[in-house]
Each structure stands twice: as C-alpha cells, then as structure tokens.
C-alpha cells in the first residue's frame, strides 16, 4: 500500500469517527431529554428512577445500559455550544472528568506522538491528563504501574524479581533500598521452605554457609542430684550474653522500616481518596451514604486519637490533618 492511499484511509476513518461521535452526542441528548440532570450528581432518591428509565430507553434502541448512561453523562457535562466538532466524542468523555477547566483544556490539544508538528488529541494523551491508566506507558511511573499489573501473582512476581536481580545494574540499585535489603536478609535467615522427605529417602545435607561456626561437641548430661544448688542458681548469670554491637544498627533499620510503613499507609490512604472522590463526580450522596462515610471517618479519628497518649509527637500530625481534636 502506498503512503498516499494510507493517508486517504486515515482521512476517511477520522471522518467516520466524527460522524459516529455525532450519533453518540445525539443519543446522549435524547437521554438527557428523558432524564435531565438538574443538579450535578442528581437529587437524592432519583438514582433508581433514572436507571429504570435509562434501562427502558436502552432496551428500546438496542443499546447496552452502561453505554446509554455514558452518553447521557457526557452530554450533560458538555453543552452543545461547548463541544469541539473536530475533537472525537471519546475525548470529550475522558476530559469530562475535569472540572470547569475542561472547556478551556479541550481547545489546546497536545503535540501528536507520531505526527511531528501536528497538535491533536489522542485517547492516551487525554487519559494522561486526567490520571487514567494508558495502554502504552512512557514515563517511568507508568511503566512501573504496568509491570505491577502484570505481576499480581506472587509466583510470577518472584520469578520476575529473580530474573531482574541477575542484572548487575538492577541488583546494585536494589541494594540501596534499605527495606528491600532487610526483607531479603530476613528471608535468607528463615531459609527456603523444604518439603518433607519421602520415607526411606536419604535427605541431603543442608548447605550451611561458612560463616556459621560448627556446633560444639555435646557435653555429657549432668546428674542433677550431684550438682550443688549454688551452681544451679548461678546458671542464668553464666548464660547471659553481652549486648550485641550491631543491636543499635538493627534497631535503627527497624525504625526506618516502621517509618516507611507509616508513610506508605498515609500514601495509600491519600491515593485512594484522590482516586475515588473524583470518580463520584458531583453526584449528591444519599443520607445512608453520608452516614457510612462519617462512620468510617470516625473510626480513623478514633484510632489516631488513641495513639496520642502513647506517641505524643503524633499530636502535631493529628492537628495538621484535622483527624482528631487538637
């Protein structure tokens, strides 16, 4: 196929996409006429009626209910005078996740990734702008998130981690992570889980590292009737070990790990709230939903308040995040 023919097909395909978008806009406007969005998020108690009427409309026009609902919401967020005819409907749907700034943002498309000098919205550029996952990750964070999605299974994750650690540069970078080093050393101390040997099957001797000293020869068992009482009472003093010189280092590492766990918990909380709250849009919550949210916030506040007597330094943190009484 020649380049000229390919460009012709692209032009025709874009024209058909825009025509499809006009159909989607029209269906969304019809759904809005049936069930107008009078208040962002809807009025209390009307969600059941809206879904019922939208389900009836979708069935009568042979369309999936979620599709019709998406048409209605998108049309509600983009009045006809604010829609850009050169921008596909799918881009309007994604940018609809933004606030009022979406009307200005849609007018300034970014540079096309494969067409130098061409500014045009693409599905992935719009998703990046609103914080959605993309199919073709580019930044380091996007690639890391994509890899995490693929290695959700522990067995797969272990095999991938083992393969990656065989790269000298990767191993060197991982060695700088104190938490990773601690967990790896802890796993080494526990040792691999070995299955029980079959009966009458000779068991291989364990591979003992050279750094472990051989066991001392066993002393003959003492006859406790002949051991003086004073010797038995003094036994615990003889068994006491001097403090380990590495104990402060271990405590410092443990403190660092616990601190990182706390930071990670805060990050997960903020990330989850930042992801879920915008997904609710401006929908008005029911009384039951509001009560559930208040109940869970009270649980968070209670846990943090209980920590204050034990950890006075936490009081400033609580005052800053306003989750407990100052």
C-alpha atoms as a PDB file:
ATOM      1  CA  UNK A   1       0.000   0.000   0.000  1.00  0.00           C
ATOM      2  CA  UNK A   2       1.300   3.455  -0.883  1.00  0.00           C
ATOM      3  CA  UNK A   3       1.589   6.277   1.595  1.00  0.00           C
ATOM      4  CA  UNK A   4      -0.942   8.304  -0.343  1.00  0.00           C
ATOM      5  CA  UNK A   5      -3.532   5.531  -0.083  1.00  0.00           C
ATOM      6  CA  UNK A   6      -2.879   5.134   3.628  1.00  0.00           C
ATOM      7  CA  UNK A   7      -3.407   8.855   4.194  1.00  0.00           C
ATOM      8  CA  UNK A   8      -6.698   8.653   2.290  1.00  0.00           C
ATOM      9  CA  UNK A   9      -7.888   5.819   4.537  1.00  0.00           C
ATOM     10  CA  UNK A  10      -6.859   7.751   7.645  1.00  0.00           C
ATOM     11  CA  UNK A  11      -8.794  10.806   6.499  1.00  0.00           C
ATOM     12  CA  UNK A  12     -11.872   8.708   5.767  1.00  0.00           C
ATOM     13  CA  UNK A  13     -11.555   6.905   9.101  1.00  0.00           C
ATOM     14  CA  UNK A  14     -11.350  10.169  11.021  1.00  0.00           C
ATOM     15  CA  UNK A  15     -14.402  11.447   9.194  1.00  0.00           C
ATOM     16  CA  UNK A  16     -16.362   8.301  10.119  1.00  0.00           C
ATOM     17  CA  UNK A  17     -15.196   8.643  13.728  1.00  0.00           C
ATOM     18  CA  UNK A  18     -16.537  12.188  13.868  1.00  0.00           C
ATOM     19  CA  UNK A  19     -19.809  11.023  12.327  1.00  0.00           C
ATOM     20  CA  UNK A  20     -20.027   8.299  14.964  1.00  0.00           C
ATOM     21  CA  UNK A  21     -19.461  10.966  17.582  1.00  0.00           C
ATOM     22  CA  UNK A  22     -22.417  12.956  16.279  1.00  0.00           C
ATOM     23  CA  UNK A  23     -24.602   9.873  16.781  1.00  0.00           C
ATOM     24  CA  UNK A  24     -23.283   9.468  20.309  1.00  0.00           C
ATOM     25  CA  UNK A  25     -23.930  13.120  21.085  1.00  0.00           C
ATOM     26  CA  UNK A  26     -27.469  12.830  19.724  1.00  0.00           C
ATOM     27  CA  UNK A  27     -28.247   9.708  21.761  1.00  0.00           C
ATOM     28  CA  UNK A  28     -26.883  11.421  24.866  1.00  0.00           C
ATOM     29  CA  UNK A  29     -29.055  14.472  24.243  1.00  0.00           C
ATOM     30  CA  UNK A  30     -32.088  12.174  23.865  1.00  0.00           C
ATOM     31  CA  UNK A  31     -31.269  10.502  27.167  1.00  0.00           C
ATOM     32  CA  UNK A  32     -30.953  13.951  28.763  1.00  0.00           C
ATOM     33  CA  UNK A  33     -34.353  14.924  27.424  1.00  0.00           C
ATOM     34  CA  UNK A  34     -35.848  11.820  29.037  1.00  0.00           C
ATOM     35  CA  UNK A  35     -33.981  12.322  32.322  1.00  0.00           C
ATOM     36  CA  UNK A  36     -32.451  15.819  32.622  1.00  0.00           C
ATOM     37  CA  UNK A  37     -29.551  16.389  35.005  1.00  0.00           C
ATOM     38  CA  UNK A  38     -30.972  19.219  37.087  1.00  0.00           C
ATOM     39  CA  UNK A  39     -28.326  19.080  39.852  1.00  0.00           C
ATOM     40  CA  UNK A  40     -24.740  17.834  39.481  1.00  0.00           C
ATOM     41  CA  UNK A  41     -24.750  14.329  40.888  1.00  0.00           C
ATOM     42  CA  UNK A  42     -28.538  14.122  40.836  1.00  0.00           C
ATOM     43  CA  UNK A  43     -31.150  14.673  43.527  1.00  0.00           C
ATOM     44  CA  UNK A  44     -31.496  12.312  46.492  1.00  0.00           C
ATOM     45  CA  UNK A  45     -33.618   9.290  45.692  1.00  0.00           C
ATOM     46  CA  UNK A  46     -33.770   9.830  41.932  1.00  0.00           C
ATOM     47  CA  UNK A  47     -30.969   7.409  41.011  1.00  0.00           C
ATOM     48  CA  UNK A  48     -33.325   4.409  40.937  1.00  0.00           C
ATOM     49  CA  UNK A  49     -35.801   6.222  38.674  1.00  0.00           C
ATOM     50  CA  UNK A  50     -33.037   7.384  36.316  1.00  0.00           C
ATOM     51  CA  UNK A  51     -31.557   3.899  35.937  1.00  0.00           C
ATOM     52  CA  UNK A  52     -35.003   2.432  35.363  1.00  0.00           C
ATOM     53  CA  UNK A  53     -35.891   4.908  32.610  1.00  0.00           C
ATOM     54  CA  UNK A  54     -32.441   4.666  31.030  1.00  0.00           C
ATOM     55  CA  UNK A  55     -32.688   0.872  31.037  1.00  0.00           C
ATOM     56  CA  UNK A  56     -36.039   1.086  29.249  1.00  0.00           C
ATOM     57  CA  UNK A  57     -34.658   3.558  26.685  1.00  0.00           C
ATOM     58  CA  UNK A  58     -31.537   1.447  26.108  1.00  0.00           C
ATOM     59  CA  UNK A  59     -33.597  -1.688  25.586  1.00  0.00           C
ATOM     60  CA  UNK A  60     -35.885   0.059  23.098  1.00  0.00           C
ATOM     61  CA  UNK A  61     -32.948   1.299  20.970  1.00  0.00           C
ATOM     62  CA  UNK A  62     -30.916  -1.932  21.317  1.00  0.00           C
ATOM     63  CA  UNK A  63     -28.037  -0.355  23.234  1.00  0.00           C
ATOM     64  CA  UNK A  64     -26.313  -1.502  26.458  1.00  0.00           C
ATOM     65  CA  UNK A  65     -27.487   0.357  29.549  1.00  0.00           C
ATOM     66  CA  UNK A  66     -23.961   1.457  30.608  1.00  0.00           C
ATOM     67  CA  UNK A  67     -23.413   2.889  27.127  1.00  0.00           C
ATOM     68  CA  UNK A  68     -26.586   4.977  27.256  1.00  0.00           C
ATOM     69  CA  UNK A  69     -25.706   6.183  30.751  1.00  0.00           C
ATOM     70  CA  UNK A  70     -22.262   7.250  29.488  1.00  0.00           C
ATOM     71  CA  UNK A  71     -23.874   9.111  26.580  1.00  0.00           C
ATOM     72  CA  UNK A  72     -26.198  10.944  28.991  1.00  0.00           C
ATOM     73  CA  UNK A  73     -23.456  11.927  31.448  1.00  0.00           C
ATOM     74  CA  UNK A  74     -21.128  13.130  28.694  1.00  0.00           C
ATOM     75  CA  UNK A  75     -23.821  15.218  27.046  1.00  0.00           C
ATOM     76  CA  UNK A  76     -24.657  16.667  30.454  1.00  0.00           C
ATOM     77  CA  UNK A  77     -21.055  17.768  31.012  1.00  0.00           C
ATOM     78  CA  UNK A  78     -20.646  19.257  27.541  1.00  0.00           C
ATOM     79  CA  UNK A  79     -23.382  21.686  26.437  1.00  0.00           C
ATOM     80  CA  UNK A  80     -23.750  21.790  22.668  1.00  0.00           C
ATOM     81  CA  UNK A  81     -22.104  25.210  22.387  1.00  0.00           C
ATOM     82  CA  UNK A  82     -19.019  23.958  24.280  1.00  0.00           C
ATOM     83  CA  UNK A  83     -18.401  20.870  22.169  1.00  0.00           C
ATOM     84  CA  UNK A  84     -15.498  20.874  19.722  1.00  0.00           C
ATOM     85  CA  UNK A  85     -16.597  19.343  16.403  1.00  0.00           C
ATOM     86  CA  UNK A  86     -13.010  18.429  15.450  1.00  0.00           C
ATOM     87  CA  UNK A  87     -12.477  16.512  18.711  1.00  0.00           C
ATOM     88  CA  UNK A  88     -13.924  12.971  18.926  1.00  0.00           C
ATOM     89  CA  UNK A  89     -16.693  12.200  21.397  1.00  0.00           C
ATOM     90  CA  UNK A  90     -14.422   9.745  23.224  1.00  0.00           C
ATOM     91  CA  UNK A  91     -12.007  12.577  24.051  1.00  0.00           C
ATOM     92  CA  UNK A  92     -14.869  14.678  25.415  1.00  0.00           C
ATOM     93  CA  UNK A  93     -15.898  11.732  27.603  1.00  0.00           C
ATOM     94  CA  UNK A  94     -12.403  11.430  29.121  1.00  0.00           C
ATOM     95  CA  UNK A  95     -11.882  15.164  29.608  1.00  0.00           C
ATOM     96  CA  UNK A  96     -15.298  15.298  31.234  1.00  0.00           C
ATOM     97  CA  UNK A  97     -13.548  14.047  34.383  1.00  0.00           C
ATOM     98  CA  UNK A  98     -12.024  17.507  34.782  1.00  0.00           C
ATOM     99  CA  UNK A  99     -13.689  20.469  36.444  1.00  0.00           C
ATOM    100  CA  UNK A 100     -14.848  23.595  34.637  1.00  0.00           C
ATOM    101  CA  UNK A 101     -11.349  23.933  33.191  1.00  0.00           C
ATOM    102  CA  UNK A 102     -12.234  21.220  30.650  1.00  0.00           C
ATOM    103  CA  UNK A 103     -13.846  23.823  28.387  1.00  0.00           C
ATOM    104  CA  UNK A 104     -10.511  25.594  28.091  1.00  0.00           C
ATOM    105  CA  UNK A 105      -8.350  22.466  28.051  1.00  0.00           C
ATOM    106  CA  UNK A 106     -10.132  20.867  25.104  1.00  0.00           C
ATOM    107  CA  UNK A 107      -9.225  23.855  22.927  1.00  0.00           C
ATOM    108  CA  UNK A 108      -5.484  23.251  23.342  1.00  0.00           C
ATOM    109  CA  UNK A 109      -4.588  19.762  22.115  1.00  0.00           C
ATOM    110  CA  UNK A 110      -1.073  18.468  22.826  1.00  0.00           C
ATOM    111  CA  UNK A 111       1.518  17.515  20.230  1.00  0.00           C
ATOM    112  CA  UNK A 112       0.673  14.290  18.440  1.00  0.00           C
ATOM    113  CA  UNK A 113       3.101  11.489  19.476  1.00  0.00           C
ATOM    114  CA  UNK A 114       3.720  10.198  15.935  1.00  0.00           C
ATOM    115  CA  UNK A 115       2.911  13.203  13.762  1.00  0.00           C
ATOM    116  CA  UNK A 116       5.614  15.872  14.159  1.00  0.00           C
ATOM    117  CA  UNK A 117       4.223  19.376  14.082  1.00  0.00           C
ATOM    118  CA  UNK A 118       0.611  18.199  14.481  1.00  0.00           C
ATOM    119  CA  UNK A 119      -1.371  19.130  17.590  1.00  0.00           C
ATOM    120  CA  UNK A 120      -4.217  16.671  18.090  1.00  0.00           C
ATOM    121  CA  UNK A 121      -5.915  14.952  20.964  1.00  0.00           C
ATOM    122  CA  UNK A 122      -5.384  11.213  21.286  1.00  0.00           C
ATOM    123  CA  UNK A 123      -7.015   8.728  23.612  1.00  0.00           C
ATOM    124  CA  UNK A 124      -3.806   8.302  25.623  1.00  0.00           C
ATOM    125  CA  UNK A 125      -2.938  11.987  25.864  1.00  0.00           C
ATOM    126  CA  UNK A 126      -6.399  12.662  27.308  1.00  0.00           C
ATOM    127  CA  UNK A 127      -6.073   9.768  29.753  1.00  0.00           C
ATOM    128  CA  UNK A 128      -2.684  11.001  30.917  1.00  0.00           C
ATOM    129  CA  UNK A 129      -4.157  14.419  31.585  1.00  0.00           C
ATOM    130  CA  UNK A 130      -6.921  13.085  33.850  1.00  0.00           C
ATOM    131  CA  UNK A 131      -4.694  10.468  35.500  1.00  0.00           C
ATOM    132  CA  UNK A 132      -6.079   7.305  33.913  1.00  0.00           C
ATOM    133  CA  UNK A 133      -4.016   4.256  33.010  1.00  0.00           C
ATOM    134  CA  UNK A 134      -2.722   4.225  29.429  1.00  0.00           C
ATOM    135  CA  UNK A 135      -2.164   1.316  27.053  1.00  0.00           C
ATOM    136  CA  UNK A 136       1.304   2.484  26.027  1.00  0.00           C
ATOM    137  CA  UNK A 137       3.234   3.604  29.129  1.00  0.00           C
ATOM    138  CA  UNK A 138       6.038   6.107  28.541  1.00  0.00           C
ATOM    139  CA  UNK A 139       7.138   7.587  31.844  1.00  0.00           C
ATOM    140  CA  UNK A 140       8.940   5.513  34.457  1.00  0.00           C
ATOM    141  CA  UNK A 141       5.924   5.630  36.774  1.00  0.00           C
ATOM    142  CA  UNK A 142       3.550   4.485  34.020  1.00  0.00           C
ATOM    143  CA  UNK A 143       5.850   1.568  33.196  1.00  0.00           C
ATOM    144  CA  UNK A 144       6.176   0.609  36.850  1.00  0.00           C
ATOM    145  CA  UNK A 145       2.394   0.598  37.245  1.00  0.00           C
ATOM    146  CA  UNK A 146       2.034  -1.535  34.108  1.00  0.00           C
ATOM    147  CA  UNK A 147       4.567  -4.050  35.428  1.00  0.00           C
ATOM    148  CA  UNK A 148       2.778  -4.205  38.789  1.00  0.00           C
ATOM    149  CA  UNK A 149      -0.450  -5.044  36.977  1.00  0.00           C
ATOM    150  CA  UNK A 150       1.261  -7.989  35.247  1.00  0.00           C
ATOM    151  CA  UNK A 151       2.938  -9.436  38.341  1.00  0.00           C
ATOM    152  CA  UNK A 152      -0.011  -9.531  40.696  1.00  0.00           C
ATOM    153  CA  UNK A 153       0.539 -13.265  41.203  1.00  0.00           C
ATOM    154  CA  UNK A 154       3.225 -13.931  43.853  1.00  0.00           C
ATOM    155  CA  UNK A 155       4.804 -16.782  41.921  1.00  0.00           C
ATOM    156  CA  UNK A 156       5.124 -14.678  38.788  1.00  0.00           C
ATOM    157  CA  UNK A 157       6.456 -11.727  40.798  1.00  0.00           C
ATOM    158  CA  UNK A 158       9.111 -13.933  42.429  1.00  0.00           C
ATOM    159  CA  UNK A 159      10.304 -15.280  39.080  1.00  0.00           C
ATOM    160  CA  UNK A 160      10.455 -11.793  37.546  1.00  0.00           C
ATOM    161  CA  UNK A 161      12.303 -10.374  40.549  1.00  0.00           C
ATOM    162  CA  UNK A 162      14.824 -13.224  40.417  1.00  0.00           C
ATOM    163  CA  UNK A 163      15.450 -12.682  36.719  1.00  0.00           C
ATOM    164  CA  UNK A 164      15.853  -8.916  37.141  1.00  0.00           C
ATOM    165  CA  UNK A 165      18.277  -9.242  40.054  1.00  0.00           C
ATOM    166  CA  UNK A 166      20.641 -11.120  37.747  1.00  0.00           C
ATOM    167  CA  UNK A 167      21.289  -7.792  36.043  1.00  0.00           C
ATOM    168  CA  UNK A 168      24.226  -6.134  37.830  1.00  0.00           C
ATOM    169  CA  UNK A 169      22.812  -2.623  37.500  1.00  0.00           C
ATOM    170  CA  UNK A 170      19.415  -3.715  38.850  1.00  0.00           C
ATOM    171  CA  UNK A 171      20.991  -5.594  41.762  1.00  0.00           C
ATOM    172  CA  UNK A 172      23.144  -2.563  42.623  1.00  0.00           C
ATOM    173  CA  UNK A 173      20.138  -0.238  42.607  1.00  0.00           C
ATOM    174  CA  UNK A 174      18.054  -2.668  44.693  1.00  0.00           C
ATOM    175  CA  UNK A 175      20.866  -2.963  47.243  1.00  0.00           C
ATOM    176  CA  UNK A 176      20.470   0.755  48.024  1.00  0.00           C
ATOM    177  CA  UNK A 177      16.901   0.192  49.219  1.00  0.00           C
ATOM    178  CA  UNK A 178      17.126  -0.422  52.980  1.00  0.00           C
ATOM    179  CA  UNK A 179      13.674  -2.000  53.206  1.00  0.00           C
ATOM    180  CA  UNK A 180      14.337  -4.374  50.315  1.00  0.00           C
ATOM    181  CA  UNK A 181      17.691  -5.394  51.800  1.00  0.00           C
ATOM    182  CA  UNK A 182      16.156  -6.014  55.210  1.00  0.00           C
ATOM    183  CA  UNK A 183      13.352  -8.172  53.812  1.00  0.00           C
ATOM    184  CA  UNK A 184      15.792 -10.116  51.630  1.00  0.00           C
ATOM    185  CA  UNK A 185      18.121 -10.787  54.554  1.00  0.00           C
ATOM    186  CA  UNK A 186      15.165 -11.783  56.701  1.00  0.00           C
ATOM    187  CA  UNK A 187      14.058 -14.265  54.055  1.00  0.00           C
ATOM    188  CA  UNK A 188      17.585 -15.665  53.904  1.00  0.00           C
ATOM    189  CA  UNK A 189      17.628 -16.206  57.651  1.00  0.00           C
ATOM    190  CA  UNK A 190      14.346 -18.063  57.508  1.00  0.00           C
ATOM    191  CA  UNK A 191      15.693 -20.155  54.662  1.00  0.00           C
ATOM    192  CA  UNK A 192      13.732 -21.794  51.840  1.00  0.00           C
ATOM    193  CA  UNK A 193      10.782 -23.971  52.682  1.00  0.00           C
ATOM    194  CA  UNK A 194      11.842 -27.558  52.054  1.00  0.00           C
ATOM    195  CA  UNK A 195       9.247 -30.259  51.569  1.00  0.00           C
ATOM    196  CA  UNK A 196       9.269 -33.204  53.986  1.00  0.00           C
ATOM    197  CA  UNK A 197      11.394 -36.089  52.627  1.00  0.00           C
ATOM    198  CA  UNK A 198       9.705 -39.271  51.493  1.00  0.00           C
ATOM    199  CA  UNK A 199      10.130 -42.314  53.784  1.00  0.00           C
ATOM    200  CA  UNK A 200      13.338 -44.277  53.250  1.00  0.00           C
ATOM    201  CA  UNK A 201      14.655 -41.429  51.116  1.00  0.00           C
ATOM    202  CA  UNK A 202      18.067 -40.132  52.218  1.00  0.00           C
ATOM    203  CA  UNK A 203      17.870 -36.434  52.937  1.00  0.00           C
ATOM    204  CA  UNK A 204      20.609 -34.227  51.523  1.00  0.00           C
ATOM    205  CA  UNK A 205      22.673 -32.341  53.994  1.00  0.00           C
ATOM    206  CA  UNK A 206      21.746 -28.684  54.242  1.00  0.00           C
ATOM    207  CA  UNK A 207      24.015 -26.199  52.566  1.00  0.00           C
ATOM    208  CA  UNK A 208      25.337 -24.414  55.664  1.00  0.00           C
ATOM    209  CA  UNK A 209      27.142 -21.106  54.989  1.00  0.00           C
ATOM    210  CA  UNK A 210      30.797 -20.944  56.002  1.00  0.00           C
ATOM    211  CA  UNK A 211      30.105 -18.032  58.328  1.00  0.00           C
ATOM    212  CA  UNK A 212      28.195 -20.285  60.708  1.00  0.00           C
ATOM    213  CA  UNK A 213      30.533 -21.930  63.191  1.00  0.00           C
ATOM    214  CA  UNK A 214      30.281 -25.715  63.579  1.00  0.00           C
ATOM    215  CA  UNK A 215      28.379 -26.925  66.594  1.00  0.00           C
ATOM    216  CA  UNK A 216      30.448 -27.614  69.675  1.00  0.00           C
ATOM    217  CA  UNK A 217      30.692 -31.247  70.823  1.00  0.00           C
ATOM    218  CA  UNK A 218      27.946 -32.180  73.199  1.00  0.00           C
ATOM    219  CA  UNK A 219      28.887 -32.386  76.847  1.00  0.00           C
ATOM    220  CA  UNK A 220      27.822 -35.380  78.898  1.00  0.00           C
ATOM    221  CA  UNK A 221      24.496 -34.940  80.615  1.00  0.00           C
ATOM    222  CA  UNK A 222      24.793 -33.700  84.161  1.00  0.00           C
ATOM    223  CA  UNK A 223      23.475 -35.704  87.072  1.00  0.00           C
ATOM    224  CA  UNK A 224      21.282 -33.101  88.739  1.00  0.00           C
ATOM    225  CA  UNK A 225      21.436 -34.961  92.058  1.00  0.00           C
ATOM    226  CA  UNK A 226      25.180 -34.231  92.235  1.00  0.00           C
ATOM    227  CA  UNK A 227      25.108 -30.577  91.108  1.00  0.00           C
ATOM    228  CA  UNK A 228      25.318 -28.118  94.012  1.00  0.00           C
ATOM    229  CA  UNK A 229      22.320 -25.821  94.473  1.00  0.00           C
ATOM    230  CA  UNK A 230      24.529 -22.723  94.227  1.00  0.00           C
ATOM    231  CA  UNK A 231      25.696 -23.803  90.751  1.00  0.00           C
ATOM    232  CA  UNK A 232      22.103 -24.183  89.551  1.00  0.00           C
ATOM    233  CA  UNK A 233      21.164 -20.739  90.874  1.00  0.00           C
ATOM    234  CA  UNK A 234      24.191 -19.123  89.220  1.00  0.00           C
ATOM    235  CA  UNK A 235      23.469 -20.781  85.860  1.00  0.00           C
ATOM    236  CA  UNK A 236      21.343 -17.896  84.408  1.00  0.00           C
ATOM    237  CA  UNK A 237      24.150 -15.397  85.042  1.00  0.00           C
ATOM    238  CA  UNK A 238      26.568 -17.536  83.091  1.00  0.00           C
ATOM    239  CA  UNK A 239      24.104 -17.765  80.178  1.00  0.00           C
ATOM    240  CA  UNK A 240      23.625 -14.015  79.893  1.00  0.00           C
ATOM    241  CA  UNK A 241      25.172 -12.630  76.712  1.00  0.00           C
ATOM    242  CA  UNK A 242      26.782  -9.229  76.393  1.00  0.00           C
ATOM    243  CA  UNK A 243      24.822  -6.714  74.283  1.00  0.00           C
ATOM    244  CA  UNK A 244      25.404  -7.165  70.581  1.00  0.00           C
ATOM    245  CA  UNK A 245      27.411  -4.353  68.947  1.00  0.00           C
ATOM    246  CA  UNK A 246      25.046  -4.409  65.967  1.00  0.00           C
ATOM    247  CA  UNK A 247      21.892  -4.051  68.077  1.00  0.00           C
ATOM    248  CA  UNK A 248      21.709  -0.242  67.618  1.00  0.00           C
ATOM    249  CA  UNK A 249      22.040  -0.662  63.859  1.00  0.00           C
ATOM    250  CA  UNK A 250      19.281  -3.270  63.800  1.00  0.00           C
ATOM    251  CA  UNK A 251      17.022  -1.023  65.878  1.00  0.00           C
ATOM    252  CA  UNK A 252      17.701   1.874  63.513  1.00  0.00           C
ATOM    253  CA  UNK A 253      16.837  -0.268  60.490  1.00  0.00           C
ATOM    254  CA  UNK A 254      13.658  -1.469  62.189  1.00  0.00           C
ATOM    255  CA  UNK A 255      12.728   2.143  62.981  1.00  0.00           C
ATOM    256  CA  UNK A 256      13.301   3.103  59.345  1.00  0.00           C
ATOM    257  CA  UNK A 257      11.126   0.215  58.144  1.00  0.00           C
ATOM    258  CA  UNK A 258       8.303   1.144  60.506  1.00  0.00           C
ATOM    259  CA  UNK A 259       8.569   4.783  59.414  1.00  0.00           C
ATOM    260  CA  UNK A 260       8.387   3.754  55.749  1.00  0.00           C
ATOM    261  CA  UNK A 261       5.373   1.565  56.529  1.00  0.00           C
ATOM    262  CA  UNK A 262       3.638   4.559  58.132  1.00  0.00           C
ATOM    263  CA  UNK A 263       4.462   6.794  55.159  1.00  0.00           C
ATOM    264  CA  UNK A 264       3.256   4.070  52.806  1.00  0.00           C
ATOM    265  CA  UNK A 265      -0.021   3.739  54.703  1.00  0.00           C
ATOM    266  CA  UNK A 266      -0.571   7.517  54.506  1.00  0.00           C
ATOM    267  CA  UNK A 267       0.272   7.493  50.795  1.00  0.00           C
ATOM    268  CA  UNK A 268      -2.182   4.663  50.104  1.00  0.00           C
ATOM    269  CA  UNK A 269      -4.905   6.485  52.020  1.00  0.00           C
ATOM    270  CA  UNK A 270      -4.363   9.759  50.151  1.00  0.00           C
ATOM    271  CA  UNK A 271      -4.037   7.985  46.798  1.00  0.00           C
ATOM    272  CA  UNK A 272      -7.245   6.028  47.335  1.00  0.00           C
ATOM    273  CA  UNK A 273      -9.187   9.139  48.375  1.00  0.00           C
ATOM    274  CA  UNK A 274      -7.743  11.119  45.455  1.00  0.00           C
ATOM    275  CA  UNK A 275      -8.791   8.400  43.051  1.00  0.00           C
ATOM    276  CA  UNK A 276     -12.256   7.616  44.404  1.00  0.00           C
ATOM    277  CA  UNK A 277     -13.611  11.057  45.290  1.00  0.00           C
ATOM    278  CA  UNK A 278     -13.277  12.487  41.739  1.00  0.00           C
ATOM    279  CA  UNK A 279     -14.912   9.315  40.373  1.00  0.00           C
ATOM    280  CA  UNK A 280     -18.048  10.246  42.279  1.00  0.00           C
ATOM    281  CA  UNK A 281     -18.184  13.463  40.254  1.00  0.00           C
ATOM    282  CA  UNK A 282     -20.663  15.880  41.701  1.00  0.00           C
ATOM    283  CA  UNK A 283     -23.316  13.307  42.479  1.00  0.00           C
ATOM    284  CA  UNK A 284     -25.296  14.122  45.582  1.00  0.00           C
ATOM    285  CA  UNK A 285     -24.835  11.390  48.175  1.00  0.00           C
ATOM    286  CA  UNK A 286     -27.793   9.822  49.940  1.00  0.00           C
ATOM    287  CA  UNK A 287     -28.255  10.109  53.687  1.00  0.00           C
ATOM    288  CA  UNK A 288     -27.211   6.475  54.159  1.00  0.00           C
ATOM    289  CA  UNK A 289     -24.039   7.001  52.128  1.00  0.00           C
ATOM    290  CA  UNK A 290     -23.136  10.144  54.080  1.00  0.00           C
ATOM    291  CA  UNK A 291     -23.712   8.300  57.357  1.00  0.00           C
ATOM    292  CA  UNK A 292     -21.423   5.461  56.210  1.00  0.00           C
ATOM    293  CA  UNK A 293     -18.635   7.899  55.305  1.00  0.00           C
ATOM    294  CA  UNK A 294     -18.970   9.692  58.655  1.00  0.00           C
ATOM    295  CA  UNK A 295     -18.852   6.374  60.481  1.00  0.00           C
ATOM    296  CA  UNK A 296     -15.609   5.336  58.769  1.00  0.00           C
ATOM    297  CA  UNK A 297     -14.016   8.754  59.299  1.00  0.00           C
ATOM    298  CA  UNK A 298     -14.904   8.434  62.973  1.00  0.00           C
ATOM    299  CA  UNK A 299     -13.095   5.095  63.057  1.00  0.00           C
ATOM    300  CA  UNK A 300      -9.979   6.718  61.560  1.00  0.00           C
ATOM    301  CA  UNK A 301     -10.227   9.602  64.008  1.00  0.00           C
ATOM    302  CA  UNK A 302     -10.626   7.184  66.919  1.00  0.00           C
ATOM    303  CA  UNK A 303      -7.556   5.156  66.006  1.00  0.00           C
ATOM    304  CA  UNK A 304      -5.391   8.258  65.663  1.00  0.00           C
ATOM    305  CA  UNK A 305      -6.721   9.729  68.904  1.00  0.00           C
ATOM    306  CA  UNK A 306      -5.872   6.545  70.810  1.00  0.00           C
ATOM    307  CA  UNK A 307      -2.279   6.839  69.608  1.00  0.00           C
ATOM    308  CA  UNK A 308      -1.753  10.282  71.123  1.00  0.00           C
ATOM    309  CA  UNK A 309      -1.106   9.192  74.756  1.00  0.00           C
ATOM    310  CA  UNK A 310       1.423   6.601  73.589  1.00  0.00           C
ATOM    311  CA  UNK A 311       3.093   8.800  70.983  1.00  0.00           C
ATOM    312  CA  UNK A 312       2.913  12.491  71.957  1.00  0.00           C
ATOM    313  CA  UNK A 313       4.737  13.512  68.784  1.00  0.00           C
ATOM    314  CA  UNK A 314       1.733  12.341  66.807  1.00  0.00           C
ATOM    315  CA  UNK A 315      -0.364  15.177  68.232  1.00  0.00           C
ATOM    316  CA  UNK A 316       1.095  17.708  65.792  1.00  0.00           C
ATOM    317  CA  UNK A 317       0.379  15.346  62.916  1.00  0.00           C
ATOM    318  CA  UNK A 318      -3.203  14.914  64.066  1.00  0.00           C
ATOM    319  CA  UNK A 319      -3.636  18.651  64.416  1.00  0.00           C
ATOM    320  CA  UNK A 320      -2.301  19.093  60.877  1.00  0.00           C
ATOM    321  CA  UNK A 321      -4.586  16.578  59.227  1.00  0.00           C
ATOM    322  CA  UNK A 322      -7.555  17.542  61.453  1.00  0.00           C
ATOM    323  CA  UNK A 323      -8.471  13.907  62.137  1.00  0.00           C
ATOM    324  CA  UNK A 324      -8.516  14.287  65.921  1.00  0.00           C
ATOM    325  CA  UNK A 325      -9.180  17.009  68.433  1.00  0.00           C
ATOM    326  CA  UNK A 326      -6.082  19.179  68.931  1.00  0.00           C
END
